[in-house]
Amino acid sequence: MNINEYSTKVKNLADALAFIGAPVDDEDLVAVTLNGLGKYYSQFCISVAIQETFPDFQDLITPLISEKMKIISTSPNGGSQESVFYSNTNRSRGRGGNTSFQG
């Protein structure tokens, strides 16, 4: 799944939750997006997490695409085995719950 597909999927899920009366605030949306990224994005996730404030979800996408391009250009196999989405059911929900990035 590429970055655009992944971010669209996350946004669609948030919109569906809002539609049924369970809105997701933007900070949680960013946290969920970061927590779902693969191990190649660990440095990117750390750099976002240490900022004073999380970027808005929409402001996260462009740097995320840039990071993807950097990964592709520096990967020995061109990033062909790299996957954006990473699922881990043992992760905590929210910004502060994940102290060690496992993606």
PDB file of N, CA and C in Angstrom:
ATOM      1  N   MET A   1       0.862  -1.170   0.000  1.00  0.00           N
ATOM      2  CA  MET A   1       0.000   0.000   0.000  1.00  0.00           C
ATOM      3  C   MET A   1       0.911   1.236   0.000  1.00  0.00           C
ATOM      4  N   ASN A   2       0.649   2.184  -0.882  1.00  0.00           N
ATOM      5  CA  ASN A   2       1.482   3.387  -0.907  1.00  0.00           C
ATOM      6  C   ASN A   2       0.971   4.429   0.087  1.00  0.00           C
ATOM      7  N   ILE A   3       1.718   5.510   0.227  1.00  0.00           N
ATOM      8  CA  ILE A   3       1.388   6.547   1.215  1.00  0.00           C
ATOM      9  C   ILE A   3       0.007   7.143   0.963  1.00  0.00           C
ATOM     10  N   ASN A   4      -0.307   7.445  -0.288  1.00  0.00           N
ATOM     11  CA  ASN A   4      -1.613   8.036  -0.594  1.00  0.00           C
ATOM     12  C   ASN A   4      -2.749   7.083  -0.253  1.00  0.00           C
ATOM     13  N   GLU A   5      -2.587   5.814  -0.584  1.00  0.00           N
ATOM     14  CA  GLU A   5      -3.621   4.826  -0.257  1.00  0.00           C
ATOM     15  C   GLU A   5      -3.767   4.679   1.252  1.00  0.00           C
ATOM     16  N   TYR A   6      -2.642   4.605   1.931  1.00  0.00           N
ATOM     17  CA  TYR A   6      -2.658   4.449   3.381  1.00  0.00           C
ATOM     18  C   TYR A   6      -3.313   5.646   4.063  1.00  0.00           C
ATOM     19  N   SER A   7      -2.901   6.863   3.692  1.00  0.00           N
ATOM     20  CA  SER A   7      -3.471   8.051   4.334  1.00  0.00           C
ATOM     21  C   SER A   7      -4.954   8.195   4.011  1.00  0.00           C
ATOM     22  N   THR A   8      -5.350   7.826   2.799  1.00  0.00           N
ATOM     23  CA  THR A   8      -6.774   7.866   2.440  1.00  0.00           C
ATOM     24  C   THR A   8      -7.563   6.855   3.268  1.00  0.00           C
ATOM     25  N   LYS A   9      -7.007   5.677   3.449  1.00  0.00           N
ATOM     26  CA  LYS A   9      -7.683   4.654   4.256  1.00  0.00           C
ATOM     27  C   LYS A   9      -7.861   5.124   5.705  1.00  0.00           C
ATOM     28  N   VAL A  10      -6.807   5.690   6.280  1.00  0.00           N
ATOM     29  CA  VAL A  10      -6.877   6.187   7.652  1.00  0.00           C
ATOM     30  C   VAL A  10      -7.923   7.299   7.755  1.00  0.00           C
ATOM     31  N   LYS A  11      -7.899   8.238   6.811  1.00  0.00           N
ATOM     32  CA  LYS A  11      -8.847   9.354   6.817  1.00  0.00           C
ATOM     33  C   LYS A  11     -10.281   8.855   6.633  1.00  0.00           C
ATOM     34  N   ASN A  12     -10.479   7.886   5.748  1.00  0.00           N
ATOM     35  CA  ASN A  12     -11.823   7.327   5.540  1.00  0.00           C
ATOM     36  C   ASN A  12     -12.351   6.647   6.792  1.00  0.00           C
ATOM     37  N   LEU A  13     -11.475   5.943   7.505  1.00  0.00           N
ATOM     38  CA  LEU A  13     -11.891   5.318   8.767  1.00  0.00           C
ATOM     39  C   LEU A  13     -12.276   6.376   9.800  1.00  0.00           C
ATOM     40  N   ALA A  14     -11.498   7.449   9.872  1.00  0.00           N
ATOM     41  CA  ALA A  14     -11.819   8.541  10.799  1.00  0.00           C
ATOM     42  C   ALA A  14     -13.141   9.197  10.416  1.00  0.00           C
ATOM     43  N   ASP A  15     -13.362   9.398   9.120  1.00  0.00           N
ATOM     44  CA  ASP A  15     -14.625   9.979   8.666  1.00  0.00           C
ATOM     45  C   ASP A  15     -15.806   9.074   8.990  1.00  0.00           C
ATOM     46  N   ALA A  16     -15.620   7.771   8.840  1.00  0.00           N
ATOM     47  CA  ALA A  16     -16.691   6.816   9.153  1.00  0.00           C
ATOM     48  C   ALA A  16     -17.012   6.842  10.648  1.00  0.00           C
ATOM     49  N   LEU A  17     -15.980   6.943  11.471  1.00  0.00           N
ATOM     50  CA  LEU A  17     -16.212   7.044  12.917  1.00  0.00           C
ATOM     51  C   LEU A  17     -16.941   8.336  13.271  1.00  0.00           C
ATOM     52  N   ALA A  18     -16.555   9.430  12.633  1.00  0.00           N
ATOM     53  CA  ALA A  18     -17.236  10.711  12.873  1.00  0.00           C
ATOM     54  C   ALA A  18     -18.700  10.618  12.450  1.00  0.00           C
ATOM     55  N   PHE A  19     -18.956   9.924  11.370  1.00  0.00           N
ATOM     56  CA  PHE A  19     -20.325   9.783  10.863  1.00  0.00           C
ATOM     57  C   PHE A  19     -21.226   9.067  11.860  1.00  0.00           C
ATOM     58  N   ILE A  20     -20.682   8.120  12.611  1.00  0.00           N
ATOM     59  CA  ILE A  20     -21.502   7.393  13.587  1.00  0.00           C
ATOM     60  C   ILE A  20     -21.426   8.014  14.988  1.00  0.00           C
ATOM     61  N   GLY A  21     -20.851   9.207  15.063  1.00  0.00           N
ATOM     62  CA  GLY A  21     -20.840   9.936  16.328  1.00  0.00           C
ATOM     63  C   GLY A  21     -19.634   9.697  17.208  1.00  0.00           C
ATOM     64  N   ALA A  22     -18.568   9.161  16.652  1.00  0.00           N
ATOM     65  CA  ALA A  22     -17.353   8.918  17.420  1.00  0.00           C
ATOM     66  C   ALA A  22     -16.170   9.571  16.702  1.00  0.00           C
ATOM     67  N   PRO A  23     -16.135  10.908  16.694  1.00  0.00           N
ATOM     68  CA  PRO A  23     -15.071  11.589  15.943  1.00  0.00           C
ATOM     69  C   PRO A  23     -13.680  11.326  16.531  1.00  0.00           C
ATOM     70  N   VAL A  24     -12.698  11.345  15.660  1.00  0.00           N
ATOM     71  CA  VAL A  24     -11.301  11.172  16.049  1.00  0.00           C
ATOM     72  C   VAL A  24     -10.632  12.536  15.909  1.00  0.00           C
ATOM     73  N   ASP A  25     -10.034  13.038  16.998  1.00  0.00           N
ATOM     74  CA  ASP A  25      -9.388  14.345  16.872  1.00  0.00           C
ATOM     75  C   ASP A  25      -8.117  14.211  16.040  1.00  0.00           C
ATOM     76  N   ASP A  26      -7.661  15.326  15.522  1.00  0.00           N
ATOM     77  CA  ASP A  26      -6.561  15.332  14.568  1.00  0.00           C
ATOM     78  C   ASP A  26      -5.273  14.770  15.163  1.00  0.00           C
ATOM     79  N   GLU A  27      -4.996  15.052  16.424  1.00  0.00           N
ATOM     80  CA  GLU A  27      -3.781  14.532  17.049  1.00  0.00           C
ATOM     81  C   GLU A  27      -3.821  13.002  17.114  1.00  0.00           C
ATOM     82  N   ASP A  28      -4.980  12.447  17.456  1.00  0.00           N
ATOM     83  CA  ASP A  28      -5.106  10.988  17.474  1.00  0.00           C
ATOM     84  C   ASP A  28      -4.988  10.406  16.070  1.00  0.00           C
ATOM     85  N   LEU A  29      -5.509  11.110  15.088  1.00  0.00           N
ATOM     86  CA  LEU A  29      -5.414  10.660  13.700  1.00  0.00           C
ATOM     87  C   LEU A  29      -3.949  10.605  13.256  1.00  0.00           C
ATOM     88  N   VAL A  30      -3.176  11.599  13.632  1.00  0.00           N
ATOM     89  CA  VAL A  30      -1.742  11.607  13.315  1.00  0.00           C
ATOM     90  C   VAL A  30      -1.044  10.463  14.050  1.00  0.00           C
ATOM     91  N   ALA A  31      -1.364  10.269  15.325  1.00  0.00           N
ATOM     92  CA  ALA A  31      -0.744   9.196  16.108  1.00  0.00           C
ATOM     93  C   ALA A  31      -1.052   7.827  15.508  1.00  0.00           C
ATOM     94  N   VAL A  32      -2.280   7.602  15.128  1.00  0.00           N
ATOM     95  CA  VAL A  32      -2.664   6.330  14.515  1.00  0.00           C
ATOM     96  C   VAL A  32      -1.925   6.133  13.196  1.00  0.00           C
ATOM     97  N   THR A  33      -1.826   7.199  12.415  1.00  0.00           N
ATOM     98  CA  THR A  33      -1.115   7.128  11.139  1.00  0.00           C
ATOM     99  C   THR A  33       0.348   6.756  11.361  1.00  0.00           C
ATOM    100  N   LEU A  34       0.998   7.405  12.302  1.00  0.00           N
ATOM    101  CA  LEU A  34       2.406   7.112  12.588  1.00  0.00           C
ATOM    102  C   LEU A  34       2.590   5.697  13.135  1.00  0.00           C
ATOM    103  N   ASN A  35       1.679   5.273  13.997  1.00  0.00           N
ATOM    104  CA  ASN A  35       1.789   3.938  14.585  1.00  0.00           C
ATOM    105  C   ASN A  35       1.605   2.834  13.550  1.00  0.00           C
ATOM    106  N   GLY A  36       0.977   3.147  12.432  1.00  0.00           N
ATOM    107  CA  GLY A  36       0.747   2.152  11.399  1.00  0.00           C
ATOM    108  C   GLY A  36       1.835   2.065  10.350  1.00  0.00           C
ATOM    109  N   LEU A  37       2.841   2.892  10.470  1.00  0.00           N
ATOM    110  CA  LEU A  37       3.924   2.882   9.479  1.00  0.00           C
ATOM    111  C   LEU A  37       4.904   1.748   9.756  1.00  0.00           C
ATOM    112  N   GLY A  38       5.553   1.286   8.731  1.00  0.00           N
ATOM    113  CA  GLY A  38       6.519   0.200   8.847  1.00  0.00           C
ATOM    114  C   GLY A  38       7.832   0.637   9.470  1.00  0.00           C
ATOM    115  N   LYS A  39       8.713  -0.330   9.691  1.00  0.00           N
ATOM    116  CA  LYS A  39       9.976  -0.079  10.387  1.00  0.00           C
ATOM    117  C   LYS A  39      10.879   0.902   9.656  1.00  0.00           C
ATOM    118  N   TYR A  40      10.740   1.019   8.359  1.00  0.00           N
ATOM    119  CA  TYR A  40      11.559   1.960   7.599  1.00  0.00           C
ATOM    120  C   TYR A  40      11.269   3.417   7.976  1.00  0.00           C
ATOM    121  N   TYR A  41      10.147   3.648   8.596  1.00  0.00           N
ATOM    122  CA  TYR A  41       9.723   5.005   8.954  1.00  0.00           C
ATOM    123  C   TYR A  41      10.018   5.355  10.405  1.00  0.00           C
ATOM    124  N   SER A  42      10.772   4.525  11.114  1.00  0.00           N
ATOM    125  CA  SER A  42      10.980   4.756  12.549  1.00  0.00           C
ATOM    126  C   SER A  42      11.626   6.108  12.842  1.00  0.00           C
ATOM    127  N   GLN A  43      12.642   6.503  12.077  1.00  0.00           N
ATOM    128  CA  GLN A  43      13.286   7.796  12.306  1.00  0.00           C
ATOM    129  C   GLN A  43      12.321   8.952  12.043  1.00  0.00           C
ATOM    130  N   PHE A  44      11.512   8.812  11.005  1.00  0.00           N
ATOM    131  CA  PHE A  44      10.516   9.837  10.698  1.00  0.00           C
ATOM    132  C   PHE A  44       9.526   9.972  11.858  1.00  0.00           C
ATOM    133  N   CYS A  45       9.060   8.840  12.363  1.00  0.00           N
ATOM    134  CA  CYS A  45       8.092   8.852  13.466  1.00  0.00           C
ATOM    135  C   CYS A  45       8.689   9.484  14.720  1.00  0.00           C
ATOM    136  N   ILE A  46       9.940   9.176  14.992  1.00  0.00           N
ATOM    137  CA  ILE A  46      10.611   9.773  16.152  1.00  0.00           C
ATOM    138  C   ILE A  46      10.715  11.283  15.982  1.00  0.00           C
ATOM    139  N   SER A  47      11.080  11.728  14.788  1.00  0.00           N
ATOM    140  CA  SER A  47      11.225  13.166  14.564  1.00  0.00           C
ATOM    141  C   SER A  47       9.893  13.893  14.721  1.00  0.00           C
ATOM    142  N   VAL A  48       8.807  13.271  14.348  1.00  0.00           N
ATOM    143  CA  VAL A  48       7.487  13.886  14.531  1.00  0.00           C
ATOM    144  C   VAL A  48       7.099  13.859  16.009  1.00  0.00           C
ATOM    145  N   ALA A  49       7.359  12.739  16.662  1.00  0.00           N
ATOM    146  CA  ALA A  49       6.948  12.572  18.057  1.00  0.00           C
ATOM    147  C   ALA A  49       7.651  13.527  19.013  1.00  0.00           C
ATOM    148  N   ILE A  50       8.874  13.945  18.697  1.00  0.00           N
ATOM    149  CA  ILE A  50       9.600  14.820  19.625  1.00  0.00           C
ATOM    150  C   ILE A  50       9.298  16.296  19.408  1.00  0.00           C
ATOM    151  N   GLN A  51       8.494  16.612  18.424  1.00  0.00           N
ATOM    152  CA  GLN A  51       8.120  18.008  18.199  1.00  0.00           C
ATOM    153  C   GLN A  51       7.215  18.489  19.330  1.00  0.00           C
ATOM    154  N   GLU A  52       7.200  19.776  19.557  1.00  0.00           N
ATOM    155  CA  GLU A  52       6.343  20.364  20.592  1.00  0.00           C
ATOM    156  C   GLU A  52       4.878  19.997  20.367  1.00  0.00           C
ATOM    157  N   THR A  53       4.452  20.085  19.121  1.00  0.00           N
ATOM    158  CA  THR A  53       3.072  19.732  18.773  1.00  0.00           C
ATOM    159  C   THR A  53       3.071  18.839  17.543  1.00  0.00           C
ATOM    160  N   PHE A  54       2.097  17.954  17.485  1.00  0.00           N
ATOM    161  CA  PHE A  54       1.938  17.121  16.297  1.00  0.00           C
ATOM    162  C   PHE A  54       1.498  18.005  15.140  1.00  0.00           C
ATOM    163  N   PRO A  55       1.929  17.666  13.927  1.00  0.00           N
ATOM    164  CA  PRO A  55       1.403  18.395  12.770  1.00  0.00           C
ATOM    165  C   PRO A  55      -0.058  17.988  12.544  1.00  0.00           C
ATOM    166  N   ASP A  56      -0.797  18.800  11.823  1.00  0.00           N
ATOM    167  CA  ASP A  56      -2.136  18.399  11.414  1.00  0.00           C
ATOM    168  C   ASP A  56      -2.004  17.204  10.486  1.00  0.00           C
ATOM    169  N   PHE A  57      -3.060  16.397  10.401  1.00  0.00           N
ATOM    170  CA  PHE A  57      -3.026  15.219   9.549  1.00  0.00           C
ATOM    171  C   PHE A  57      -2.659  15.592   8.114  1.00  0.00           C
ATOM    172  N   GLN A  58      -3.286  16.628   7.577  1.00  0.00           N
ATOM    173  CA  GLN A  58      -3.013  17.033   6.203  1.00  0.00           C
ATOM    174  C   GLN A  58      -1.569  17.512   6.027  1.00  0.00           C
ATOM    175  N   ASP A  59      -1.009  18.127   7.067  1.00  0.00           N
ATOM    176  CA  ASP A  59       0.375  18.610   7.008  1.00  0.00           C
ATOM    177  C   ASP A  59       1.388  17.477   7.155  1.00  0.00           C
ATOM    178  N   LEU A  60       0.943  16.307   7.570  1.00  0.00           N
ATOM    179  CA  LEU A  60       1.823  15.162   7.735  1.00  0.00           C
ATOM    180  C   LEU A  60       2.099  14.453   6.411  1.00  0.00           C
ATOM    181  N   ILE A  61       1.172  14.518   5.484  1.00  0.00           N
ATOM    182  CA  ILE A  61       1.236  13.702   4.268  1.00  0.00           C
ATOM    183  C   ILE A  61       2.420  14.075   3.374  1.00  0.00           C
ATOM    184  N   THR A  62       2.636  15.356   3.119  1.00  0.00           N
ATOM    185  CA  THR A  62       3.738  15.760   2.229  1.00  0.00           C
ATOM    186  C   THR A  62       5.105  15.328   2.773  1.00  0.00           C
ATOM    187  N   PRO A  63       5.419  15.575   4.056  1.00  0.00           N
ATOM    188  CA  PRO A  63       6.708  15.081   4.565  1.00  0.00           C
ATOM    189  C   PRO A  63       6.790  13.553   4.557  1.00  0.00           C
ATOM    190  N   LEU A  64       5.657  12.907   4.732  1.00  0.00           N
ATOM    191  CA  LEU A  64       5.636  11.447   4.701  1.00  0.00           C
ATOM    192  C   LEU A  64       5.962  10.928   3.298  1.00  0.00           C
ATOM    193  N   ILE A  65       5.438  11.579   2.284  1.00  0.00           N
ATOM    194  CA  ILE A  65       5.760  11.212   0.904  1.00  0.00           C
ATOM    195  C   ILE A  65       7.249  11.476   0.633  1.00  0.00           C
ATOM    196  N   SER A  66       7.771  12.583   1.146  1.00  0.00           N
ATOM    197  CA  SER A  66       9.203  12.873   0.992  1.00  0.00           C
ATOM    198  C   SER A  66      10.049  11.800   1.666  1.00  0.00           C
ATOM    199  N   GLU A  67       9.625  11.360   2.839  1.00  0.00           N
ATOM    200  CA  GLU A  67      10.341  10.302   3.544  1.00  0.00           C
ATOM    201  C   GLU A  67      10.311   9.012   2.738  1.00  0.00           C
ATOM    202  N   LYS A  68       9.190   8.708   2.142  1.00  0.00           N
ATOM    203  CA  LYS A  68       9.067   7.519   1.292  1.00  0.00           C
ATOM    204  C   LYS A  68      10.066   7.595   0.129  1.00  0.00           C
ATOM    205  N   MET A  69      10.178   8.762  -0.490  1.00  0.00           N
ATOM    206  CA  MET A  69      11.112   8.924  -1.597  1.00  0.00           C
ATOM    207  C   MET A  69      12.558   8.744  -1.128  1.00  0.00           C
ATOM    208  N   LYS A  70      12.859   9.239   0.075  1.00  0.00           N
ATOM    209  CA  LYS A  70      14.198   9.070   0.641  1.00  0.00           C
ATOM    210  C   LYS A  70      14.485   7.592   0.902  1.00  0.00           C
ATOM    211  N   ILE A  71      13.515   6.884   1.416  1.00  0.00           N
ATOM    212  CA  ILE A  71      13.672   5.449   1.682  1.00  0.00           C
ATOM    213  C   ILE A  71      13.939   4.699   0.381  1.00  0.00           C
ATOM    214  N   ILE A  72      13.185   5.019  -0.637  1.00  0.00           N
ATOM    215  CA  ILE A  72      13.363   4.359  -1.930  1.00  0.00           C
ATOM    216  C   ILE A  72      14.753   4.639  -2.488  1.00  0.00           C
ATOM    217  N   SER A  73      15.205   5.885  -2.388  1.00  0.00           N
ATOM    218  CA  SER A  73      16.495   6.247  -2.979  1.00  0.00           C
ATOM    219  C   SER A  73      17.683   5.676  -2.212  1.00  0.00           C
ATOM    220  N   THR A  74      17.521   5.386  -0.925  1.00  0.00           N
ATOM    221  CA  THR A  74      18.640   4.877  -0.132  1.00  0.00           C
ATOM    222  C   THR A  74      18.589   3.371   0.098  1.00  0.00           C
ATOM    223  N   SER A  75      17.497   2.746  -0.291  1.00  0.00           N
ATOM    224  CA  SER A  75      17.353   1.304  -0.085  1.00  0.00           C
ATOM    225  C   SER A  75      18.091   0.534  -1.174  1.00  0.00           C
ATOM    226  N   PRO A  76      18.837  -0.504  -0.793  1.00  0.00           N
ATOM    227  CA  PRO A  76      19.582  -1.272  -1.790  1.00  0.00           C
ATOM    228  C   PRO A  76      18.684  -1.930  -2.843  1.00  0.00           C
ATOM    229  N   ASN A  77      17.470  -2.269  -2.460  1.00  0.00           N
ATOM    230  CA  ASN A  77      16.556  -2.903  -3.406  1.00  0.00           C
ATOM    231  C   ASN A  77      15.517  -1.923  -3.934  1.00  0.00           C
ATOM    232  N   GLY A  78      15.772  -0.644  -3.760  1.00  0.00           N
ATOM    233  CA  GLY A  78      14.845   0.380  -4.251  1.00  0.00           C
ATOM    234  C   GLY A  78      13.560   0.464  -3.462  1.00  0.00           C
ATOM    235  N   GLY A  79      13.550  -0.098  -2.261  1.00  0.00           N
ATOM    236  CA  GLY A  79      12.355  -0.052  -1.426  1.00  0.00           C
ATOM    237  C   GLY A  79      11.279  -1.013  -1.856  1.00  0.00           C
ATOM    238  N   SER A  80      11.583  -1.968  -2.735  1.00  0.00           N
ATOM    239  CA  SER A  80      10.552  -2.847  -3.260  1.00  0.00           C
ATOM    240  C   SER A  80       9.944  -3.749  -2.196  1.00  0.00           C
ATOM    241  N   GLN A  81      10.700  -4.062  -1.147  1.00  0.00           N
ATOM    242  CA  GLN A  81      10.156  -4.901  -0.096  1.00  0.00           C
ATOM    243  C   GLN A  81       9.597  -4.078   1.058  1.00  0.00           C
ATOM    244  N   GLU A  82       9.725  -2.796   0.971  1.00  0.00           N
ATOM    245  CA  GLU A  82       9.245  -1.907   2.022  1.00  0.00           C
ATOM    246  C   GLU A  82       7.726  -1.792   1.955  1.00  0.00           C
ATOM    247  N   SER A  83       7.094  -1.833   3.092  1.00  0.00           N
ATOM    248  CA  SER A  83       5.646  -1.699   3.170  1.00  0.00           C
ATOM    249  C   SER A  83       5.304  -0.534   4.079  1.00  0.00           C
ATOM    250  N   VAL A  84       4.318   0.254   3.681  1.00  0.00           N
ATOM    251  CA  VAL A  84       3.917   1.398   4.487  1.00  0.00           C
ATOM    252  C   VAL A  84       3.192   0.950   5.728  1.00  0.00           C
ATOM    253  N   PHE A  85       2.237   0.087   5.579  1.00  0.00           N
ATOM    254  CA  PHE A  85       1.353  -0.260   6.678  1.00  0.00           C
ATOM    255  C   PHE A  85       1.939  -1.367   7.537  1.00  0.00           C
ATOM    256  N   TYR A  86       1.849  -1.188   8.824  1.00  0.00           N
ATOM    257  CA  TYR A  86       2.331  -2.175   9.769  1.00  0.00           C
ATOM    258  C   TYR A  86       1.273  -2.327  10.841  1.00  0.00           C
ATOM    259  N   SER A  87       0.845  -3.533  11.102  1.00  0.00           N
ATOM    260  CA  SER A  87      -0.179  -3.772  12.104  1.00  0.00           C
ATOM    261  C   SER A  87       0.432  -4.467  13.304  1.00  0.00           C
ATOM    262  N   ASN A  88       0.114  -3.959  14.475  1.00  0.00           N
ATOM    263  CA  ASN A  88       0.596  -4.571  15.695  1.00  0.00           C
ATOM    264  C   ASN A  88      -0.484  -4.405  16.743  1.00  0.00           C
ATOM    265  N   THR A  89      -1.141  -5.486  17.108  1.00  0.00           N
ATOM    266  CA  THR A  89      -2.260  -5.418  18.040  1.00  0.00           C
ATOM    267  C   THR A  89      -1.828  -5.119  19.463  1.00  0.00           C
ATOM    268  N   ASN A  90      -0.537  -5.201  19.772  1.00  0.00           N
ATOM    269  CA  ASN A  90      -0.062  -4.941  21.122  1.00  0.00           C
ATOM    270  C   ASN A  90       0.261  -3.476  21.377  1.00  0.00           C
ATOM    271  N   ARG A  91       0.064  -2.634  20.400  1.00  0.00           N
ATOM    272  CA  ARG A  91       0.376  -1.208  20.568  1.00  0.00           C
ATOM    273  C   ARG A  91      -0.691  -0.524  21.409  1.00  0.00           C
ATOM    274  N   SER A  92      -0.254   0.478  22.138  1.00  0.00           N
ATOM    275  CA  SER A  92      -1.173   1.298  22.916  1.00  0.00           C
ATOM    276  C   SER A  92      -1.822   2.331  22.020  1.00  0.00           C
ATOM    277  N   ARG A  93      -2.987   2.816  22.429  1.00  0.00           N
ATOM    278  CA  ARG A  93      -3.706   3.822  21.673  1.00  0.00           C
ATOM    279  C   ARG A  93      -3.222   5.191  22.089  1.00  0.00           C
ATOM    280  N   GLY A  94      -3.124   6.100  21.158  1.00  0.00           N
ATOM    281  CA  GLY A  94      -2.834   7.490  21.466  1.00  0.00           C
ATOM    282  C   GLY A  94      -1.363   7.843  21.405  1.00  0.00           C
ATOM    283  N   ARG A  95      -1.095   9.118  21.618  1.00  0.00           N
ATOM    284  CA  ARG A  95       0.243   9.667  21.419  1.00  0.00           C
ATOM    285  C   ARG A  95       1.263   9.173  22.429  1.00  0.00           C
ATOM    286  N   GLY A  96       0.922   9.154  23.690  1.00  0.00           N
ATOM    287  CA  GLY A  96       1.908   8.847  24.704  1.00  0.00           C
ATOM    288  C   GLY A  96       2.068   7.372  25.013  1.00  0.00           C
ATOM    289  N   GLY A  97       1.218   6.523  24.470  1.00  0.00           N
ATOM    290  CA  GLY A  97       1.222   5.121  24.845  1.00  0.00           C
ATOM    291  C   GLY A  97       2.296   4.283  24.198  1.00  0.00           C
ATOM    292  N   ASN A  98       2.967   4.770  23.197  1.00  0.00           N
ATOM    293  CA  ASN A  98       3.950   3.967  22.485  1.00  0.00           C
ATOM    294  C   ASN A  98       5.343   4.569  22.693  1.00  0.00           C
ATOM    295  N   THR A  99       6.031   4.073  23.744  1.00  0.00           N
ATOM    296  CA  THR A  99       7.327   4.682  24.053  1.00  0.00           C
ATOM    297  C   THR A  99       8.461   4.088  23.255  1.00  0.00           C
ATOM    298  N   SER A 100       8.292   2.894  22.715  1.00  0.00           N
ATOM    299  CA  SER A 100       9.337   2.322  21.870  1.00  0.00           C
ATOM    300  C   SER A 100       8.721   1.929  20.537  1.00  0.00           C
ATOM    301  N   PHE A 101       9.161   2.575  19.515  1.00  0.00           N
ATOM    302  CA  PHE A 101       8.616   2.328  18.182  1.00  0.00           C
ATOM    303  C   PHE A 101       9.017   0.942  17.712  1.00  0.00           C
ATOM    304  N   GLN A 102       8.010   0.145  17.313  1.00  0.00           N
ATOM    305  CA  GLN A 102       8.278  -1.205  16.856  1.00  0.00           C
ATOM    306  C   GLN A 102       8.046  -1.372  15.370  1.00  0.00           C
ATOM    307  N   GLY A 103       7.601  -0.325  14.675  1.00  0.00           N
ATOM    308  CA  GLY A 103       7.249  -0.424  13.262  1.00  0.00           C
ATOM    309  C   GLY A 103       8.408  -0.452  12.435  1.00  0.00           C
TER     310      GLY A 103
END
